[in-house]
Amino acid sequence: MPPATKSNDLPDKTASAAVTLQTALHIGASSVSMMVAEFREDHTLVPIDFLEQPAPLAHDIFKNGSVSAQTTERIVSIIKGYQRSLVELGYDGSDFTRAVASNILAEAANQDIVMNRIRIACGLRINTIDDGEMTRLIYLKTRRRLQDLPAMHDQNTLVVHVGPGNTRALLFQNGRISRYTSYRLGTHRTREAIDGSHSEGPGFIRVIREHASGNLGQLRFDYSDVEIEGLISIGYEIQSVAPSLTKSGKACSVKTLRQVTNEAASLTDVELVKRFQLDYQTAEALVPSLEINLAIAETLKLPDLQIPFSEYEHGLLHDLLVSQNLTGTFADEVVRSARILAARYQSDASHGEHVANLCAKFFNDLADLHQMTEHDALLLQVAAILHEVGTYISPRAHHKHSEYIILNSEIFGLDRLDITIVALVARHHRHSGPKPEHRSYAALCIDDRIRVSKLASLLRVADALERTHVQRVNQIELKREHGKLVIRLPGLADAAVERLAMDAKADLFEQTFGLAVVIEEDS
């Protein structure tokens, strides 16, 4: 095995208190990597050390459906080595800021065994990178790339991440995300699926293309209504060989990509290691990566594509340390994705937005009561925008239809748990509150059940004030007194409709927070 690569020495622990050390560990498809970075007073994150060693996680999972004991111990050994390096320099080797694994680990039949082994041997609780975080990481990479390529900022640009197990596509229009799709098509998944063909050279490429044809057809259909003008390809393997495909900052022509793909397909894995300076695990997945990216460019009828010149893993570890704290433009993209989904199902946009604004008022003014986070506020906003999408199916029982639509939709930046919570909050905007016999609700842990009840109770109260769907309530004043939440409505002389709706919907708020809801008109 090649030694871990190292960029520079760790700082002395006596460095300025203004600098906070952060560490990220990633168990990837073909390697285990670690980054040490300084988080400085000016809120910049400066990488100071990077380590990476190969481990055949994807090979095991897609070939055998589980991680071998040998690979598990290989991963444990690498992590322990990284921990020793930190301890020798006076740092806590078990206190990583982020410690995550590729989401392909979730496909391993023995995922829990692997996780437990790492926890017992290394004292680390490892989380898998879910789909929501993966889209956040792709977003960060893409935002940097679009900044480097101002011409693409104004184009319809498709960003494609061909990962080990799945391919994700984000459509940027005028620099904003307008669509997100994913496909069960990946580099290592493809390599193991076609390994039994024993094909070589052109035959190997043909088998890869045939294996990918169904997903390529779906991608063509998904974006058939848009003229794609630019393509950015992101991925571990293709970025590893970027210097062989293009000069830094220049586009890679489809002709060049085809030539390099044909050359790579004619080489053995050992020859690929020498030719492109790769580890063996990356070499195994290189030809599928090149051919899938080539096929996507050809499917979209594009003459060239952009490939980031930076190291994929180095960038991923850096982004892991900042992705959970994304606010501002990222939150805007999440909300934008929700609005696109609402429009697709012809939901009343004015009503949804007004309810969302009322929810924000309740959330902010009652922060000391509910004690939820900014992320919860984002989920509440999304639920408010989407709470009536079910009327597309039928106005009757539309709250249940809303839950179904949301659960079976992609919302950029939200993971499966987030989407489940949004779906449940939307479902319970009317009729009964959450119950243990509701399957999705029962599957949540107790803390997340409480979140659903809190968020749904706020949505119900806000929705009651918008019962007429004509935005009659524009101002609200809140005060708490004698076991009551008193809502005063300045500018509204007659709140009979709102009071009637509140009588039907405020029960969950009272059950959750112990406050009865009372409406007072303007006097």
Protein backbone atom coordinates (compact mmCIF):
# COMPACT_ATOMS: atom_id res chain seq x y z
CA MET A 1 0.00 0.00 0.00
CA PRO A 2 1.31 3.48 -0.81
CA PRO A 3 2.02 5.73 2.16
CA ALA A 4 -0.39 8.47 3.22
CA THR A 5 0.23 11.76 1.49
CA LYS A 6 0.99 14.74 3.67
CA SER A 7 0.88 18.41 2.75
CA ASN A 8 2.60 20.07 5.72
CA ASP A 9 3.16 19.80 9.46
CA LEU A 10 0.49 20.28 12.10
CA PRO A 11 0.66 23.51 14.11
CA ASP A 12 1.96 23.68 17.63
CA LYS A 13 -0.87 23.38 20.16
CA THR A 14 0.25 26.61 21.79
CA ALA A 15 -0.92 28.58 18.74
CA SER A 16 -3.16 31.60 19.19
CA ALA A 17 -6.48 30.96 20.93
CA ALA A 18 -8.10 32.86 18.07
CA VAL A 19 -7.55 29.77 15.90
CA THR A 20 -9.77 26.70 16.39
CA LEU A 21 -8.57 23.34 15.13
CA GLN A 22 -11.10 21.28 13.17
CA THR A 23 -10.70 17.74 11.90
CA ALA A 24 -12.69 15.78 9.31
CA LEU A 25 -12.55 12.04 8.61
CA HIS A 26 -14.12 10.45 5.54
CA ILE A 27 -14.44 6.73 4.85
CA GLY A 28 -14.89 6.91 1.10
CA ALA A 29 -15.59 4.43 -1.66
CA SER A 30 -11.92 3.66 -2.26
CA SER A 31 -9.97 5.46 0.47
CA VAL A 32 -9.99 6.76 4.03
CA SER A 33 -8.95 10.39 4.33
CA MET A 34 -8.45 13.00 7.03
CA MET A 35 -8.09 16.77 6.98
CA VAL A 36 -6.88 19.07 9.74
CA ALA A 37 -7.88 22.70 9.31
CA GLU A 38 -7.78 25.97 11.22
CA PHE A 39 -11.00 27.90 11.70
CA ARG A 40 -9.89 31.48 12.14
CA GLU A 41 -11.39 34.61 13.65
CA ASP A 42 -12.35 35.96 10.23
CA HIS A 43 -14.50 32.80 9.72
CA THR A 44 -12.18 31.34 7.09
CA LEU A 45 -11.28 27.67 7.11
CA VAL A 46 -7.63 27.05 6.23
CA PRO A 47 -6.57 23.42 5.52
CA ILE A 48 -3.17 22.66 7.04
CA ASP A 49 -2.86 18.88 6.65
CA PHE A 50 -4.35 16.15 4.48
CA LEU A 51 -3.89 12.38 4.74
CA GLU A 52 -5.32 9.66 2.48
CA GLN A 53 -4.88 5.89 2.21
CA PRO A 54 -6.73 3.38 -0.02
CA ALA A 55 -9.34 0.91 1.23
CA PRO A 56 -11.64 -1.14 -1.08
CA LEU A 57 -15.01 -0.36 0.50
CA ALA A 58 -16.97 0.01 -2.76
CA HIS A 59 -15.34 -3.05 -4.29
CA ASP A 60 -16.63 -5.19 -1.41
CA ILE A 61 -20.12 -3.70 -1.26
CA PHE A 62 -20.94 -3.86 -4.97
CA LYS A 63 -19.25 -7.24 -5.48
CA ASN A 64 -20.41 -9.12 -2.37
CA GLY A 65 -23.12 -6.95 -0.78
CA SER A 66 -21.13 -6.55 2.42
CA VAL A 67 -17.80 -5.29 3.73
CA SER A 68 -15.20 -8.02 4.29
CA ALA A 69 -13.52 -8.43 7.67
CA GLN A 70 -10.20 -7.70 5.98
CA THR A 71 -11.44 -4.35 4.61
CA THR A 72 -13.04 -3.46 7.95
CA GLU A 73 -9.74 -4.06 9.75
CA ARG A 74 -7.91 -2.11 7.04
CA ILE A 75 -10.19 0.88 7.72
CA VAL A 76 -9.74 0.51 11.48
CA SER A 77 -5.95 0.39 11.05
CA ILE A 78 -5.93 3.57 8.92
CA ILE A 79 -8.10 5.46 11.40
CA LYS A 80 -5.94 4.40 14.33
CA GLY A 81 -2.89 5.64 12.45
CA TYR A 82 -4.51 9.02 11.93
CA GLN A 83 -5.49 9.15 15.59
CA ARG A 84 -1.92 8.41 16.68
CA SER A 85 -0.69 11.26 14.50
CA LEU A 86 -3.05 13.67 16.26
CA VAL A 87 -2.25 12.37 19.76
CA GLU A 88 1.51 12.68 19.18
CA LEU A 89 0.99 16.36 18.52
CA GLY A 90 -1.15 16.87 21.63
CA TYR A 91 -4.64 16.63 20.13
CA ASP A 92 -7.56 14.36 21.03
CA GLY A 93 -7.57 11.58 18.47
CA SER A 94 -11.17 10.58 19.20
CA ASP A 95 -12.70 14.04 18.93
CA PHE A 96 -13.20 14.62 15.20
CA THR A 97 -15.32 17.59 14.19
CA ARG A 98 -16.88 15.41 11.48
CA ALA A 99 -16.48 11.65 11.03
CA VAL A 100 -18.51 10.29 8.13
CA ALA A 101 -18.72 7.46 5.64
CA SER A 102 -19.85 7.31 2.02
CA ASN A 103 -23.57 6.67 1.67
CA ILE A 104 -22.81 3.43 -0.18
CA LEU A 105 -22.08 1.92 3.26
CA ALA A 106 -25.85 1.96 3.83
CA GLU A 107 -26.10 -0.69 1.07
CA ALA A 108 -23.86 -3.13 2.96
CA ALA A 109 -25.72 -5.97 4.66
CA ASN A 110 -23.28 -5.72 7.60
CA GLN A 111 -23.31 -1.92 7.94
CA ASP A 112 -24.03 -2.08 11.68
CA ILE A 113 -21.20 -4.56 12.25
CA VAL A 114 -18.73 -2.28 10.48
CA MET A 115 -19.95 0.79 12.37
CA ASN A 116 -19.77 -1.02 15.70
CA ARG A 117 -16.27 -2.31 14.98
CA ILE A 118 -15.01 1.21 14.25
CA ARG A 119 -16.74 2.58 17.33
CA ILE A 120 -15.27 -0.07 19.63
CA ALA A 121 -11.77 -0.02 18.11
CA CYS A 122 -11.43 3.73 17.54
CA GLY A 123 -13.98 5.31 19.85
CA LEU A 124 -15.69 7.02 16.91
CA ARG A 125 -19.35 7.25 16.02
CA ILE A 126 -19.48 7.33 12.21
CA ASN A 127 -22.44 8.78 10.31
CA THR A 128 -23.13 8.06 6.66
CA ILE A 129 -23.40 11.02 4.29
CA ASP A 130 -27.08 11.16 3.41
CA ASP A 131 -28.54 12.46 0.17
CA GLY A 132 -29.27 15.87 1.64
CA GLU A 133 -25.69 16.47 2.67
CA MET A 134 -24.39 15.08 -0.61
CA THR A 135 -26.37 17.71 -2.49
CA ARG A 136 -25.00 20.37 -0.13
CA LEU A 137 -21.45 19.22 -0.90
CA ILE A 138 -22.11 19.26 -4.65
CA TYR A 139 -23.62 22.72 -4.26
CA LEU A 140 -20.46 24.02 -2.58
CA LYS A 141 -18.23 22.55 -5.29
CA THR A 142 -20.45 23.95 -8.01
CA ARG A 143 -20.67 27.43 -6.51
CA ARG A 144 -16.87 27.66 -6.56
CA ARG A 145 -16.74 26.35 -10.13
CA LEU A 146 -19.32 28.84 -11.38
CA GLN A 147 -17.36 31.64 -9.73
CA ASP A 148 -14.31 30.53 -11.73
CA LEU A 149 -16.37 30.35 -14.93
CA PRO A 150 -18.48 33.53 -15.08
CA ALA A 151 -19.62 32.73 -18.63
CA MET A 152 -21.40 29.60 -17.36
CA HIS A 153 -23.18 31.56 -14.64
CA ASP A 154 -25.69 32.89 -17.19
CA GLN A 155 -26.14 29.61 -19.04
CA ASN A 156 -28.32 26.57 -18.42
CA THR A 157 -25.58 24.55 -16.74
CA LEU A 158 -26.00 20.93 -15.71
CA VAL A 159 -23.71 19.81 -12.89
CA VAL A 160 -23.26 16.05 -12.83
CA HIS A 161 -21.66 14.15 -9.96
CA VAL A 162 -20.89 10.57 -10.95
CA GLY A 163 -20.31 8.94 -7.58
CA PRO A 164 -19.43 5.37 -6.61
CA GLY A 165 -23.04 4.20 -6.47
CA ASN A 166 -25.24 7.00 -7.82
CA THR A 167 -25.19 9.90 -10.23
CA ARG A 168 -26.72 13.22 -9.21
CA ALA A 169 -27.59 16.09 -11.53
CA LEU A 170 -28.26 19.71 -10.56
CA LEU A 171 -29.57 22.16 -13.16
CA PHE A 172 -28.42 25.74 -12.67
CA GLN A 173 -30.30 28.46 -14.54
CA ASN A 174 -28.93 31.99 -14.18
CA GLY A 175 -26.74 30.71 -11.37
CA ARG A 176 -29.68 29.29 -9.37
CA ILE A 177 -30.71 25.66 -8.87
CA SER A 178 -33.93 24.90 -10.70
CA ARG A 179 -33.94 21.09 -10.75
CA TYR A 180 -32.33 18.14 -8.98
CA THR A 181 -32.40 14.47 -10.03
CA SER A 182 -30.52 11.31 -9.10
CA TYR A 183 -29.90 7.98 -10.82
CA ARG A 184 -28.78 4.55 -9.67
CA LEU A 185 -25.68 4.72 -11.83
CA GLY A 186 -22.19 4.90 -10.35
CA THR A 187 -18.57 4.12 -11.13
CA HIS A 188 -17.98 1.22 -8.75
CA ARG A 189 -21.57 -0.05 -9.04
CA THR A 190 -21.10 -0.25 -12.81
CA ARG A 191 -17.66 -1.87 -12.60
CA GLU A 192 -18.88 -4.69 -10.39
CA ALA A 193 -22.13 -5.14 -12.35
CA ILE A 194 -20.29 -5.75 -15.63
CA ASP A 195 -17.23 -7.51 -14.23
CA GLY A 196 -18.54 -10.90 -15.33
CA SER A 197 -18.54 -9.86 -18.98
CA HIS A 198 -14.73 -10.25 -19.13
CA SER A 199 -14.78 -7.72 -22.00
CA GLU A 200 -11.74 -5.66 -22.95
CA GLY A 201 -11.05 -2.51 -24.96
CA PRO A 202 -13.97 -1.39 -27.16
CA GLY A 203 -16.08 -4.31 -25.93
CA PHE A 204 -15.67 -3.14 -22.32
CA ILE A 205 -16.79 0.37 -23.26
CA ARG A 206 -19.79 -1.01 -25.14
CA VAL A 207 -20.91 -3.06 -22.12
CA ILE A 208 -20.63 0.00 -19.86
CA ARG A 209 -22.74 2.07 -22.28
CA GLU A 210 -25.37 -0.68 -22.50
CA HIS A 211 -25.49 -0.98 -18.71
CA ALA A 212 -25.98 2.78 -18.39
CA SER A 213 -28.51 3.13 -21.22
CA GLY A 214 -31.65 3.06 -19.07
CA ASN A 215 -30.40 5.79 -16.75
CA LEU A 216 -29.10 7.83 -19.67
CA GLY A 217 -32.52 7.65 -21.28
CA GLN A 218 -34.13 8.87 -18.06
CA LEU A 219 -31.66 11.75 -17.78
CA ARG A 220 -32.38 12.72 -21.41
CA PHE A 221 -36.12 12.73 -20.65
CA ASP A 222 -35.72 14.65 -17.37
CA TYR A 223 -33.97 17.53 -19.14
CA SER A 224 -35.63 17.31 -22.57
CA ASP A 225 -37.51 20.56 -21.96
CA VAL A 226 -34.31 22.55 -21.32
CA GLU A 227 -31.51 23.51 -23.67
CA ILE A 228 -28.40 22.51 -21.72
CA GLU A 229 -25.60 24.88 -22.67
CA GLY A 230 -22.84 23.82 -20.27
CA LEU A 231 -21.80 20.67 -18.38
CA ILE A 232 -19.67 20.45 -15.24
CA SER A 233 -18.52 16.93 -14.29
CA ILE A 234 -17.57 16.23 -10.68
CA GLY A 235 -16.29 12.96 -9.26
CA TYR A 236 -13.36 11.29 -7.56
CA GLU A 237 -12.09 9.38 -10.59
CA ILE A 238 -12.56 11.97 -13.33
CA GLN A 239 -11.00 14.71 -11.18
CA SER A 240 -8.07 12.39 -10.46
CA VAL A 241 -7.17 12.36 -14.15
CA ALA A 242 -8.19 15.95 -14.99
CA PRO A 243 -4.56 16.95 -15.85
CA SER A 244 -4.60 14.31 -18.59
CA LEU A 245 -7.87 15.64 -20.02
CA THR A 246 -7.41 19.37 -20.06
CA LYS A 247 -5.32 22.32 -18.99
CA SER A 248 -6.37 24.01 -15.76
CA GLY A 249 -9.38 26.25 -16.33
CA LYS A 250 -9.97 24.97 -19.85
CA ALA A 251 -12.86 22.86 -21.09
CA CYS A 252 -12.31 19.21 -22.00
CA SER A 253 -13.60 18.44 -25.48
CA VAL A 254 -15.76 15.38 -25.99
CA LYS A 255 -13.24 14.27 -28.61
CA THR A 256 -10.39 14.34 -26.06
CA LEU A 257 -12.48 12.54 -23.45
CA ARG A 258 -13.34 9.83 -25.97
CA GLN A 259 -9.66 9.38 -26.90
CA VAL A 260 -8.55 9.08 -23.26
CA THR A 261 -11.45 6.71 -22.50
CA ASN A 262 -10.46 4.44 -25.40
CA GLU A 263 -6.84 4.52 -24.26
CA ALA A 264 -7.76 3.70 -20.65
CA ALA A 265 -10.03 0.82 -21.74
CA SER A 266 -7.08 -0.81 -23.53
CA LEU A 267 -4.98 -0.88 -20.34
CA THR A 268 -5.05 -3.27 -17.41
CA ASP A 269 -5.75 -1.94 -13.93
CA VAL A 270 -2.05 -2.22 -13.12
CA GLU A 271 -1.19 -0.22 -16.23
CA LEU A 272 -3.81 2.40 -15.29
CA VAL A 273 -2.16 2.80 -11.89
CA LYS A 274 1.18 3.56 -13.57
CA ARG A 275 -0.21 5.64 -16.44
CA PHE A 276 -2.36 8.00 -14.30
CA GLN A 277 -0.60 7.69 -10.90
CA LEU A 278 -3.68 6.23 -9.17
CA ASP A 279 -4.27 3.75 -6.38
CA TYR A 280 -5.63 0.36 -7.46
CA GLN A 281 -9.20 0.98 -6.20
CA THR A 282 -9.50 4.20 -8.18
CA ALA A 283 -8.02 2.55 -11.27
CA GLU A 284 -10.72 -0.14 -11.14
CA ALA A 285 -13.49 2.46 -11.48
CA LEU A 286 -11.72 4.84 -13.89
CA VAL A 287 -13.03 3.53 -17.22
CA PRO A 288 -16.67 3.39 -16.01
CA SER A 289 -16.28 6.97 -14.74
CA LEU A 290 -14.85 8.24 -18.03
CA GLU A 291 -17.40 6.41 -20.17
CA ILE A 292 -20.42 7.49 -18.05
CA ASN A 293 -19.31 11.14 -18.18
CA LEU A 294 -18.67 10.83 -21.92
CA ALA A 295 -22.09 9.24 -22.44
CA ILE A 296 -23.81 12.05 -20.54
CA ALA A 297 -22.05 14.72 -22.64
CA GLU A 298 -23.00 12.89 -25.83
CA THR A 299 -26.58 12.35 -24.64
CA LEU A 300 -26.89 16.10 -24.10
CA LYS A 301 -25.18 16.73 -27.48
CA LEU A 302 -22.51 18.96 -25.97
CA PRO A 303 -19.08 19.53 -27.56
CA ASP A 304 -17.18 19.82 -24.27
CA LEU A 305 -17.41 19.72 -20.48
CA GLN A 306 -15.75 21.40 -17.52
CA ILE A 307 -13.84 19.29 -14.97
CA PRO A 308 -12.61 20.84 -11.70
CA PHE A 309 -8.82 20.68 -11.50
CA SER A 310 -8.80 20.51 -7.70
CA GLU A 311 -8.41 17.27 -5.75
CA TYR A 312 -11.87 15.80 -5.14
CA GLU A 313 -11.24 14.31 -1.70
CA HIS A 314 -9.39 17.36 -0.41
CA GLY A 315 -12.33 19.55 -1.39
CA LEU A 316 -14.89 17.16 0.07
CA LEU A 317 -13.23 17.15 3.50
CA HIS A 318 -13.02 20.93 3.48
CA ASP A 319 -16.71 21.17 2.59
CA LEU A 320 -17.71 18.63 5.24
CA LEU A 321 -16.49 21.09 7.85
CA VAL A 322 -18.68 23.91 6.54
CA SER A 323 -21.71 22.22 4.93
CA GLN A 324 -23.79 21.88 8.11
CA ASN A 325 -23.55 25.61 8.79
CA LEU A 326 -24.73 26.74 5.37
CA THR A 327 -27.30 29.52 5.56
CA GLY A 328 -28.18 32.46 3.35
CA THR A 329 -28.01 31.50 -0.32
CA PHE A 330 -28.15 27.78 0.46
CA ALA A 331 -31.39 28.15 2.44
CA ASP A 332 -32.71 30.23 -0.45
CA GLU A 333 -32.00 27.32 -2.80
CA VAL A 334 -33.88 24.91 -0.52
CA VAL A 335 -36.91 27.24 -0.47
CA ARG A 336 -36.64 27.74 -4.23
CA SER A 337 -36.73 23.97 -4.72
CA ALA A 338 -39.86 23.77 -2.54
CA ARG A 339 -41.53 26.52 -4.57
CA ILE A 340 -40.76 24.70 -7.81
CA LEU A 341 -42.34 21.54 -6.37
CA ALA A 342 -45.41 23.50 -5.23
CA ALA A 343 -45.81 25.02 -8.69
CA ARG A 344 -45.51 21.58 -10.30
CA TYR A 345 -48.58 20.47 -8.32
CA GLN A 346 -50.44 23.76 -8.91
CA SER A 347 -50.62 24.66 -5.23
CA ASP A 348 -51.99 28.09 -4.26
CA ALA A 349 -48.71 30.01 -4.14
CA SER A 350 -50.12 33.14 -2.46
CA HIS A 351 -51.68 31.07 0.31
CA GLY A 352 -48.56 28.97 0.88
CA GLU A 353 -46.25 31.99 1.02
CA HIS A 354 -48.55 33.88 3.37
CA VAL A 355 -48.81 30.92 5.74
CA ALA A 356 -45.01 30.62 5.61
CA ASN A 357 -44.65 34.28 6.60
CA LEU A 358 -47.07 33.84 9.50
CA CYS A 359 -45.17 30.71 10.57
CA ALA A 360 -41.93 32.71 10.61
CA LYS A 361 -43.55 35.30 12.88
CA PHE A 362 -44.72 32.65 15.34
CA PHE A 363 -41.38 30.83 15.18
CA ASN A 364 -39.34 33.95 15.92
CA ASP A 365 -41.59 35.41 18.61
CA LEU A 366 -41.97 32.09 20.45
CA ALA A 367 -38.31 31.00 20.23
CA ASP A 368 -37.95 30.72 24.01
CA LEU A 369 -41.03 28.50 24.12
CA HIS A 370 -40.23 25.97 21.36
CA GLN A 371 -36.37 26.12 21.54
CA MET A 372 -35.87 24.87 18.00
CA THR A 373 -33.07 25.65 15.54
CA GLU A 374 -32.70 27.68 12.34
CA HIS A 375 -32.84 24.42 10.42
CA ASP A 376 -36.21 23.67 12.00
CA ALA A 377 -37.37 27.12 10.89
CA LEU A 378 -36.35 26.20 7.33
CA LEU A 379 -38.30 22.92 7.50
CA LEU A 380 -41.36 24.81 8.77
CA GLN A 381 -41.12 27.27 5.88
CA VAL A 382 -40.88 24.42 3.36
CA ALA A 383 -43.83 22.60 4.98
CA ALA A 384 -45.92 25.78 4.82
CA ILE A 385 -45.17 26.27 1.12
CA LEU A 386 -46.06 22.63 0.37
CA HIS A 387 -48.86 21.88 2.83
CA GLU A 388 -51.60 21.96 0.18
CA VAL A 389 -49.86 20.27 -2.78
CA GLY A 390 -52.16 17.29 -2.15
CA THR A 391 -55.11 19.20 -3.61
CA TYR A 392 -53.57 18.34 -7.01
CA ILE A 393 -54.79 14.78 -6.41
CA SER A 394 -58.02 15.68 -4.64
CA PRO A 395 -59.28 18.38 -2.24
CA ARG A 396 -60.73 15.54 -0.19
CA ALA A 397 -58.18 14.29 2.38
CA HIS A 398 -55.60 16.52 0.66
CA HIS A 399 -53.43 16.56 3.80
CA LYS A 400 -52.75 12.83 3.28
CA HIS A 401 -52.07 13.38 -0.42
CA SER A 402 -49.65 16.18 0.52
CA GLU A 403 -47.74 13.78 2.75
CA TYR A 404 -47.53 11.22 -0.06
CA ILE A 405 -46.32 13.72 -2.68
CA ILE A 406 -43.66 15.20 -0.39
CA LEU A 407 -42.39 11.80 0.75
CA ASN A 408 -41.97 10.77 -2.87
CA SER A 409 -40.29 13.98 -4.08
CA GLU A 410 -36.76 15.38 -4.08
CA ILE A 411 -36.21 18.73 -2.37
CA PHE A 412 -32.73 20.09 -2.90
CA GLY A 413 -30.61 20.17 0.25
CA LEU A 414 -32.98 18.10 2.42
CA ASP A 415 -32.15 14.57 3.48
CA ARG A 416 -34.62 11.74 4.00
CA LEU A 417 -35.27 12.66 7.64
CA ASP A 418 -35.85 16.30 6.72
CA ILE A 419 -38.30 15.33 3.98
CA THR A 420 -40.12 12.95 6.32
CA ILE A 421 -40.51 15.70 8.90
CA VAL A 422 -41.73 18.19 6.27
CA ALA A 423 -44.22 15.60 4.96
CA LEU A 424 -45.59 14.87 8.44
CA VAL A 425 -45.85 18.55 9.37
CA ALA A 426 -47.76 19.17 6.12
CA ARG A 427 -50.01 16.19 6.75
CA HIS A 428 -50.99 17.45 10.19
CA HIS A 429 -51.88 20.99 9.14
CA ARG A 430 -55.54 19.90 9.46
CA HIS A 431 -57.71 17.28 11.17
CA SER A 432 -56.00 15.13 13.81
CA GLY A 433 -52.52 15.65 15.19
CA PRO A 434 -49.72 13.06 15.01
CA LYS A 435 -50.59 9.60 16.32
CA PRO A 436 -48.45 6.53 17.10
CA GLU A 437 -50.37 4.47 14.54
CA HIS A 438 -49.19 6.75 11.71
CA ARG A 439 -46.39 4.66 10.22
CA SER A 440 -43.92 7.41 9.24
CA TYR A 441 -44.42 9.20 12.56
CA ALA A 442 -44.00 5.99 14.57
CA ALA A 443 -40.68 5.29 12.80
CA LEU A 444 -39.14 8.50 14.18
CA CYS A 445 -37.16 8.74 17.40
CA ILE A 446 -38.83 10.55 20.31
CA ASP A 447 -36.92 13.80 19.72
CA ASP A 448 -38.02 13.96 16.08
CA ARG A 449 -41.61 13.16 17.02
CA ILE A 450 -41.52 16.16 19.34
CA ARG A 451 -40.13 18.31 16.51
CA VAL A 452 -43.01 17.24 14.27
CA SER A 453 -45.57 18.11 16.95
CA LYS A 454 -44.00 21.51 17.59
CA LEU A 455 -43.71 22.44 13.92
CA ALA A 456 -47.17 21.11 13.04
CA SER A 457 -48.76 23.05 15.91
CA LEU A 458 -47.21 26.29 14.58
CA LEU A 459 -48.34 25.53 11.04
CA ARG A 460 -51.90 24.82 12.18
CA VAL A 461 -52.16 28.11 14.05
CA ALA A 462 -50.73 30.06 11.11
CA ASP A 463 -53.00 28.25 8.64
CA ALA A 464 -56.06 29.06 10.77
CA LEU A 465 -55.27 32.76 10.39
CA GLU A 466 -55.20 32.30 6.59
CA ARG A 467 -58.47 30.32 6.47
CA THR A 468 -59.95 32.60 3.78
CA HIS A 469 -56.97 32.23 1.38
CA VAL A 470 -57.14 35.98 0.69
CA GLN A 471 -54.40 37.17 3.09
CA ARG A 472 -56.76 39.08 5.40
CA VAL A 473 -54.32 38.84 8.32
CA ASN A 474 -51.20 40.88 7.64
CA GLN A 475 -50.13 41.83 11.16
CA ILE A 476 -50.14 39.84 14.37
CA GLU A 477 -49.16 40.76 17.91
CA LEU A 478 -48.51 38.00 20.45
CA LYS A 479 -48.54 37.96 24.21
CA ARG A 480 -48.65 35.17 26.79
CA GLU A 481 -50.76 35.50 29.90
CA HIS A 482 -52.51 33.15 32.34
CA GLY A 483 -51.98 29.96 30.35
CA LYS A 484 -52.99 31.57 27.07
CA LEU A 485 -51.36 32.73 23.86
CA VAL A 486 -53.26 35.87 22.91
CA ILE A 487 -53.12 36.79 19.21
CA ARG A 488 -54.12 40.35 18.44
CA LEU A 489 -54.92 41.17 14.81
CA PRO A 490 -54.39 44.90 14.13
CA GLY A 491 -56.46 46.19 11.22
CA LEU A 492 -58.99 43.33 11.34
CA ALA A 493 -62.34 44.31 12.83
CA ASP A 494 -64.10 40.96 12.46
CA ALA A 495 -62.14 37.73 13.01
CA ALA A 496 -65.09 35.35 13.19
CA VAL A 497 -63.79 33.17 10.35
CA GLU A 498 -60.29 32.98 11.82
CA ARG A 499 -61.65 32.27 15.30
CA LEU A 500 -63.76 29.40 13.99
CA ALA A 501 -60.76 27.92 12.17
CA MET A 502 -58.57 28.36 15.27
CA ASP A 503 -61.09 26.43 17.38
CA ALA A 504 -60.51 23.45 15.06
CA LYS A 505 -56.75 23.74 14.73
CA ALA A 506 -55.29 25.11 17.97
CA ASP A 507 -55.73 21.88 19.92
CA LEU A 508 -52.27 20.56 19.00
CA PHE A 509 -50.61 23.83 20.06
CA GLU A 510 -52.31 23.66 23.47
CA GLN A 511 -51.40 19.97 23.87
CA THR A 512 -47.78 20.66 22.91
CA PHE A 513 -47.08 23.95 24.68
CA GLY A 514 -49.78 24.08 27.35
CA LEU A 515 -51.23 27.36 26.08
CA ALA A 516 -54.75 27.94 24.80
CA VAL A 517 -54.91 30.17 21.73
CA VAL A 518 -57.16 33.22 21.90
CA ILE A 519 -57.81 35.71 19.07
CA GLU A 520 -58.51 39.39 19.70
CA GLU A 521 -59.74 41.66 16.88
CA ASP A 522 -58.62 45.22 16.46
CA SER A 523 -60.59 47.48 18.79
